[in-house]
Amino acid sequence: MPRTPVSLRDVARAVGLSAMTVSRALRDGGTVAGATRRRVLAAAERLRYRPNLLMHGVRTGRTRTVGVVVPASTPFLAGILQGIHDALDEADYAMLVAWNPLHFAAPENRVERRHIRRLLERRVDGFILRPTHDAATDDDFREVRKEGLPLVVVDRELPGVRCDFAGTDDEAGARMAADHLLALGHRRLGHLAGPRTVSTARLRRRGFERAVAAFGRGAACRVVEGPDFRGLRDEALRLLRARPRPTAVFCANDDAASALYEAAAARGLRIPQDLSVVGFADLPVASWLRPALTTVRQDPYRIGQEAARIVLARCAGSPPRDRPFDVRLKPELVVRGSTAPPA
């Protein structure tokens, strides 16, 4: 038969103290003498006492859990999840992960809302979300607002929602890519862009195009946009068939760069002799490609840490909600063998 859970009163009876004193000793011990606290901890260990956090949450309104809607379906997202976990764990919080397999979804898709509702029913103290599109509005999160819970989005922005953000300075990273290619002497540049339904693709495109336009001196940029960041071989072929053909291409991420490598091989183009390529993210594939890919490195682990720290700060009541957190980590350009001066 299942073992009957040991209650706080059972521990109190075992050491001959009040339940209130035992609760303080187990919680922090700051107001309980050292010898007494050691007796309480020893008794709790011997009896295998475990606090009932659900009941504690009902009484206090806090469960010390955070709802996380971030799938670990790519190395980048797995790094974000690891950062969230470690920062929450250090603060003695746990995360409840709702798995959303979709990377992109139409605005009418209800998967995210369903996950958020389920997490609300489990009385989480806040939310961390990686959006599948950026057309959401405050109305989509009215239940979260009604409960007064913090909402932090990671990697991708939600322009129409009052929430906190932790991610990469995508526009700055794209400028780094443009500056690198322009400094090598390229003037016919291309951009294999991601879908405009997410901020990461839009900001990277904007940063790259603006840097090329500001440079002037005959530099021009041709853009081909894909419906995703993956499987862009057809879009890459279309870009390489353009006349005049770009001598260098900045890709929305490393998966898109991998598709460009395939398209270049199909067209008989050598990298970097005939075509320079820059990616974004520094995923494992960047080092596996031959030649290894020059790319803009992000820090997913730290993004996750920052998101968790924002939620913890909100749970502690700071700062006022009318001043949202906006953490944009500066990326780093990693130069490898896929870029060289134009032939």
Protein backbone atom coordinates (compact mmCIF):
# COMPACT_ATOMS: atom_id res chain seq x y z
CA MET A 1 0.00 0.00 0.00
CA PRO A 2 1.18 3.59 -0.57
CA ARG A 3 2.98 5.18 2.35
CA THR A 4 0.94 7.84 4.19
CA PRO A 5 2.64 11.21 3.66
CA VAL A 6 4.40 12.64 6.71
CA SER A 7 2.92 15.98 7.74
CA LEU A 8 4.51 19.03 9.32
CA ARG A 9 2.67 18.16 12.56
CA ASP A 10 4.29 14.70 12.57
CA VAL A 11 7.73 16.33 12.52
CA ALA A 12 6.65 18.78 15.24
CA ARG A 13 5.48 15.92 17.50
CA ALA A 14 8.75 14.05 16.95
CA VAL A 15 10.86 16.97 18.23
CA GLY A 16 8.38 18.36 20.76
CA LEU A 17 8.02 21.77 19.11
CA SER A 18 5.16 23.74 17.64
CA ALA A 19 4.32 23.34 13.96
CA MET A 20 5.05 27.05 13.46
CA THR A 21 8.60 26.69 14.83
CA VAL A 22 9.22 23.60 12.71
CA SER A 23 7.94 25.45 9.63
CA ARG A 24 10.34 28.36 10.25
CA ALA A 25 13.25 25.97 10.81
CA LEU A 26 12.57 24.12 7.57
CA ARG A 27 11.95 27.30 5.59
CA ASP A 28 15.02 29.37 6.40
CA GLY A 29 16.07 28.89 10.02
CA GLY A 30 16.98 32.54 10.44
CA THR A 31 14.83 32.92 13.56
CA VAL A 32 15.47 29.42 14.96
CA ALA A 33 18.51 28.54 17.10
CA GLY A 34 21.13 26.41 15.39
CA ALA A 35 20.80 23.36 17.66
CA THR A 36 17.01 23.40 17.37
CA ARG A 37 17.10 23.70 13.61
CA ARG A 38 19.52 20.75 13.39
CA ARG A 39 17.09 18.64 15.45
CA VAL A 40 14.23 19.59 13.14
CA LEU A 41 16.20 18.84 9.97
CA ALA A 42 17.36 15.49 11.35
CA ALA A 43 13.79 14.51 12.27
CA ALA A 44 12.47 15.60 8.86
CA GLU A 45 15.14 13.48 7.18
CA ARG A 46 14.47 10.47 9.39
CA LEU A 47 10.71 10.65 8.81
CA ARG A 48 11.19 11.41 5.09
CA TYR A 49 9.11 14.55 5.30
CA ARG A 50 8.46 16.43 2.05
CA PRO A 51 6.69 19.79 2.00
CA ASN A 52 3.37 19.92 0.12
CA LEU A 53 4.08 22.76 -2.28
CA LEU A 54 0.61 22.55 -3.81
CA MET A 55 -1.03 23.23 -0.46
CA HIS A 56 1.54 25.94 0.21
CA GLY A 57 0.61 27.50 -3.13
CA VAL A 58 -3.09 27.47 -2.29
CA ARG A 59 -2.39 29.24 1.02
CA THR A 60 0.18 31.78 -0.21
CA GLY A 61 -0.65 32.15 -3.91
CA ARG A 62 2.93 31.11 -4.80
CA THR A 63 4.00 27.65 -5.99
CA ARG A 64 7.62 28.50 -6.87
CA THR A 65 7.06 27.14 -10.36
CA VAL A 66 7.35 28.84 -13.75
CA GLY A 67 5.47 27.72 -16.87
CA VAL A 68 7.81 27.38 -19.85
CA VAL A 69 6.60 27.00 -23.45
CA VAL A 70 9.95 26.43 -25.16
CA PRO A 71 10.53 23.10 -26.96
CA ALA A 72 14.03 21.59 -26.84
CA SER A 73 13.71 20.62 -30.51
CA THR A 74 16.92 22.33 -31.68
CA PRO A 75 20.34 22.79 -30.02
CA PHE A 76 19.61 26.52 -29.77
CA LEU A 77 16.30 26.04 -27.93
CA ALA A 78 17.80 23.31 -25.76
CA GLY A 79 20.44 25.83 -24.68
CA ILE A 80 17.73 28.34 -23.74
CA LEU A 81 15.92 25.68 -21.69
CA GLN A 82 19.12 24.73 -19.89
CA GLY A 83 19.73 28.37 -18.96
CA ILE A 84 16.16 28.75 -17.68
CA HIS A 85 16.41 25.56 -15.63
CA ASP A 86 19.73 26.44 -14.01
CA ALA A 87 18.72 29.99 -13.04
CA LEU A 88 15.38 28.84 -11.61
CA ASP A 89 16.99 25.90 -9.82
CA GLU A 90 19.50 28.21 -8.16
CA ALA A 91 16.56 30.23 -6.79
CA ASP A 92 14.77 27.04 -5.62
CA TYR A 93 12.13 27.34 -8.35
CA ALA A 94 11.03 24.58 -10.72
CA MET A 95 9.88 24.84 -14.31
CA LEU A 96 6.86 23.14 -15.87
CA VAL A 97 7.55 22.67 -19.58
CA ALA A 98 4.65 22.58 -22.06
CA TRP A 99 5.90 21.04 -25.29
CA ASN A 100 4.97 22.96 -28.42
CA PRO A 101 6.44 21.20 -31.49
CA LEU A 102 5.62 24.11 -33.81
CA HIS A 103 8.35 26.58 -34.77
CA PHE A 104 5.95 28.68 -36.82
CA ALA A 105 2.18 28.85 -36.66
CA ALA A 106 -0.63 30.96 -38.10
CA PRO A 107 -2.12 33.57 -35.73
CA GLU A 108 -5.33 31.57 -35.50
CA ASN A 109 -3.46 28.52 -34.16
CA ARG A 110 -4.54 27.82 -30.55
CA VAL A 111 -1.70 25.57 -29.35
CA GLU A 112 0.11 28.25 -27.36
CA ARG A 113 -3.09 29.46 -25.70
CA ARG A 114 -4.00 25.90 -24.75
CA HIS A 115 -0.60 25.37 -23.13
CA ILE A 116 -0.85 28.64 -21.23
CA ARG A 117 -4.32 27.77 -19.94
CA ARG A 118 -3.11 24.38 -18.69
CA LEU A 119 -0.16 25.97 -16.92
CA LEU A 120 -2.46 28.57 -15.36
CA GLU A 121 -4.57 25.73 -13.96
CA ARG A 122 -1.43 24.42 -12.27
CA ARG A 123 -0.95 27.78 -10.54
CA VAL A 124 2.45 28.71 -11.96
CA ASP A 125 3.97 31.99 -10.77
CA GLY A 126 4.94 33.22 -14.23
CA PHE A 127 5.54 32.34 -17.89
CA ILE A 128 8.44 32.11 -20.31
CA LEU A 129 7.35 31.74 -23.94
CA ARG A 130 9.08 31.35 -27.29
CA PRO A 131 6.37 32.59 -29.72
CA THR A 132 5.51 30.83 -32.98
CA HIS A 133 4.39 34.11 -34.57
CA ASP A 134 4.35 37.75 -33.52
CA ALA A 135 0.77 38.74 -34.39
CA ALA A 136 -0.45 38.18 -30.83
CA THR A 137 -2.04 41.00 -28.83
CA ASP A 138 -2.67 41.66 -25.15
CA ASP A 139 -6.09 40.08 -25.59
CA ASP A 140 -4.44 36.72 -26.30
CA PHE A 141 -2.92 36.82 -22.82
CA ARG A 142 -5.84 38.33 -20.91
CA GLU A 143 -5.96 35.40 -18.46
CA VAL A 144 -2.30 35.94 -17.62
CA ARG A 145 -2.97 39.67 -17.15
CA LYS A 146 -6.01 38.96 -15.01
CA GLU A 147 -3.91 36.85 -12.65
CA GLY A 148 -1.17 39.51 -12.56
CA LEU A 149 1.51 37.03 -13.65
CA PRO A 150 4.77 37.98 -15.40
CA LEU A 151 5.25 37.01 -19.04
CA VAL A 152 8.71 36.88 -20.63
CA VAL A 153 9.19 36.05 -24.31
CA VAL A 154 12.54 34.70 -25.48
CA ASP A 155 14.35 34.94 -28.82
CA ARG A 156 11.35 36.38 -30.72
CA GLU A 157 9.51 39.57 -29.84
CA LEU A 158 5.76 40.14 -29.46
CA PRO A 159 5.37 43.79 -30.57
CA GLY A 160 1.64 43.89 -29.78
CA VAL A 161 1.94 42.53 -26.23
CA ARG A 162 3.06 44.30 -23.05
CA CYS A 163 5.64 41.81 -21.85
CA ASP A 164 9.32 41.41 -21.05
CA PHE A 165 11.90 40.21 -23.59
CA ALA A 166 15.21 38.36 -23.48
CA GLY A 167 17.05 37.56 -26.68
CA THR A 168 19.77 38.58 -29.12
CA ASP A 169 20.39 41.96 -30.72
CA ASP A 170 19.53 40.50 -34.14
CA GLU A 171 19.89 43.77 -36.00
CA ALA A 172 23.40 44.33 -34.63
CA GLY A 173 24.38 40.78 -35.57
CA ALA A 174 23.22 41.31 -39.15
CA ARG A 175 25.24 44.53 -39.34
CA MET A 176 28.32 42.54 -38.26
CA ALA A 177 27.73 40.12 -41.13
CA ALA A 178 27.33 42.96 -43.65
CA ASP A 179 30.38 44.85 -42.40
CA HIS A 180 32.50 41.69 -42.65
CA LEU A 181 31.49 40.97 -46.25
CA LEU A 182 31.82 44.59 -47.33
CA ALA A 183 35.28 44.81 -45.75
CA LEU A 184 36.33 41.77 -47.80
CA GLY A 185 35.40 43.71 -50.95
CA HIS A 186 32.00 42.23 -51.84
CA ARG A 187 29.56 44.60 -53.49
CA ARG A 188 26.96 42.19 -54.93
CA LEU A 189 25.38 40.77 -51.79
CA GLY A 190 22.41 38.52 -51.20
CA HIS A 191 20.27 37.69 -48.20
CA LEU A 192 18.49 34.35 -47.76
CA ALA A 193 15.80 35.60 -45.39
CA GLY A 194 13.48 33.86 -42.96
CA PRO A 195 9.71 34.43 -42.70
CA ARG A 196 8.59 37.97 -41.95
CA THR A 197 6.05 36.61 -39.41
CA VAL A 198 8.78 36.46 -36.73
CA SER A 199 10.90 39.32 -35.43
CA THR A 200 14.24 37.51 -35.72
CA ALA A 201 13.93 37.26 -39.51
CA ARG A 202 12.67 40.84 -39.91
CA LEU A 203 15.37 42.39 -37.72
CA ARG A 204 18.19 40.46 -39.37
CA ARG A 205 16.98 41.50 -42.79
CA ARG A 206 16.62 45.12 -41.71
CA GLY A 207 20.07 45.23 -40.11
CA PHE A 208 21.74 43.72 -43.18
CA GLU A 209 19.94 45.87 -45.76
CA ARG A 210 20.54 49.07 -43.82
CA ALA A 211 24.25 48.34 -43.41
CA VAL A 212 24.63 47.71 -47.14
CA ALA A 213 22.66 50.85 -48.03
CA ALA A 214 24.69 52.99 -45.60
CA PHE A 215 27.94 51.68 -47.08
CA GLY A 216 27.01 52.86 -50.59
CA ARG A 217 29.90 52.78 -53.08
CA GLY A 218 28.05 50.50 -55.46
CA ALA A 219 27.05 47.93 -52.87
CA ALA A 220 23.62 46.35 -53.45
CA CYS A 221 21.57 43.63 -51.78
CA ARG A 222 19.15 41.10 -53.31
CA VAL A 223 16.72 39.37 -50.91
CA VAL A 224 14.92 36.04 -51.29
CA GLU A 225 12.52 35.18 -48.46
CA GLY A 226 11.62 31.68 -47.34
CA PRO A 227 8.60 30.36 -45.38
CA ASP A 228 10.87 28.88 -42.70
CA PHE A 229 14.50 28.87 -41.60
CA ARG A 230 14.91 25.29 -42.84
CA GLY A 231 14.56 23.53 -46.18
CA LEU A 232 15.34 26.63 -48.23
CA ARG A 233 17.16 24.91 -51.08
CA ASP A 234 14.72 26.16 -53.74
CA GLU A 235 14.93 29.73 -52.42
CA ALA A 236 18.74 29.44 -52.33
CA LEU A 237 18.81 28.25 -55.95
CA ARG A 238 16.62 31.18 -56.96
CA LEU A 239 19.05 33.58 -55.30
CA LEU A 240 22.07 31.99 -57.02
CA ARG A 241 20.37 32.12 -60.44
CA ALA A 242 19.93 35.90 -60.18
CA ARG A 243 21.75 38.09 -62.68
CA PRO A 244 24.11 39.46 -61.65
CA ARG A 245 24.72 36.63 -59.15
CA PRO A 246 25.67 37.67 -55.61
CA THR A 247 29.29 37.01 -54.69
CA ALA A 248 28.35 36.77 -51.00
CA VAL A 249 25.19 35.74 -49.14
CA PHE A 250 24.09 36.35 -45.56
CA CYS A 251 21.69 33.65 -44.39
CA ALA A 252 18.97 34.14 -41.78
CA ASN A 253 20.44 31.27 -39.74
CA ASP A 254 22.84 28.35 -40.02
CA ASP A 255 20.18 25.92 -41.28
CA ALA A 256 19.49 28.32 -44.15
CA ALA A 257 23.24 28.49 -44.79
CA SER A 258 23.34 24.69 -45.00
CA ALA A 259 20.67 24.86 -47.72
CA LEU A 260 22.75 27.47 -49.54
CA TYR A 261 25.77 25.11 -49.47
CA GLU A 262 23.62 22.47 -51.21
CA ALA A 263 22.40 24.95 -53.80
CA ALA A 264 25.94 26.20 -54.46
CA ALA A 265 27.16 22.63 -55.03
CA ALA A 266 24.26 22.03 -57.43
CA ARG A 267 25.30 25.14 -59.38
CA GLY A 268 28.98 24.14 -59.44
CA LEU A 269 30.01 27.06 -57.19
CA ARG A 270 32.90 26.73 -54.76
CA ILE A 271 32.79 28.21 -51.25
CA PRO A 272 34.49 30.62 -50.62
CA GLN A 273 36.28 30.93 -54.00
CA ASP A 274 33.08 31.68 -55.95
CA LEU A 275 30.68 32.48 -53.14
CA SER A 276 31.14 33.69 -49.55
CA VAL A 277 28.53 32.61 -46.99
CA VAL A 278 27.67 33.91 -43.50
CA GLY A 279 25.14 32.29 -41.17
CA PHE A 280 23.53 33.23 -37.87
CA ALA A 281 23.38 31.39 -34.51
CA ASP A 282 26.57 29.23 -34.52
CA LEU A 283 24.69 25.93 -34.34
CA PRO A 284 26.71 22.68 -34.36
CA VAL A 285 26.15 22.42 -38.13
CA ALA A 286 28.31 25.54 -38.61
CA SER A 287 31.42 23.58 -37.63
CA TRP A 288 30.39 20.44 -39.52
CA LEU A 289 29.98 22.17 -42.88
CA ARG A 290 32.96 22.13 -45.25
CA PRO A 291 34.36 24.68 -45.32
CA ALA A 292 33.33 25.58 -41.77
CA LEU A 293 30.78 28.37 -41.72
CA THR A 294 31.46 31.97 -40.79
CA THR A 295 28.52 32.89 -38.57
CA VAL A 296 27.11 35.25 -35.97
CA ARG A 297 27.26 33.50 -32.59
CA GLN A 298 24.35 33.76 -30.16
CA ASP A 299 24.35 32.73 -26.49
CA PRO A 300 21.17 30.67 -25.93
CA TYR A 301 22.18 29.57 -22.42
CA ARG A 302 22.53 33.15 -21.23
CA ILE A 303 19.26 34.12 -22.96
CA GLY A 304 17.55 31.46 -20.85
CA GLN A 305 19.27 32.67 -17.70
CA GLU A 306 18.20 36.25 -18.33
CA ALA A 307 14.59 35.20 -18.98
CA ALA A 308 14.48 33.28 -15.71
CA ARG A 309 16.01 36.17 -13.78
CA ILE A 310 13.39 38.54 -15.18
CA VAL A 311 10.57 36.23 -14.05
CA LEU A 312 12.15 35.92 -10.59
CA ALA A 313 12.49 39.70 -10.33
CA ARG A 314 8.83 40.12 -11.30
CA CYS A 315 7.78 37.52 -8.72
CA ALA A 316 9.68 39.55 -6.14
CA GLY A 317 7.69 42.65 -7.15
CA SER A 318 10.34 44.63 -9.02
CA PRO A 319 10.35 46.80 -11.08
CA PRO A 320 6.96 48.39 -11.89
CA ARG A 321 5.09 46.69 -14.76
CA ASP A 322 5.01 49.88 -16.83
CA ARG A 323 8.78 49.54 -17.38
CA PRO A 324 9.29 46.26 -19.29
CA PHE A 325 12.62 44.48 -19.29
CA ASP A 326 14.26 44.42 -22.74
CA VAL A 327 17.47 42.37 -22.64
CA ARG A 328 19.27 42.08 -26.00
CA LEU A 329 22.57 40.25 -25.79
CA LYS A 330 25.31 41.37 -28.15
CA PRO A 331 26.27 38.58 -30.58
CA GLU A 332 29.77 37.80 -31.84
CA LEU A 333 31.03 37.30 -35.39
CA VAL A 334 32.96 34.01 -35.72
CA VAL A 335 35.08 34.02 -38.89
CA ARG A 336 35.76 30.60 -40.41
CA GLY A 337 36.52 29.28 -43.89
CA SER A 338 33.33 30.21 -45.76
CA THR A 339 34.22 33.85 -46.43
CA ALA A 340 36.98 35.36 -48.56
CA PRO A 341 37.50 38.33 -50.91
CA PRO A 342 35.59 38.06 -54.20
CA ALA A 343 37.41 36.43 -57.10
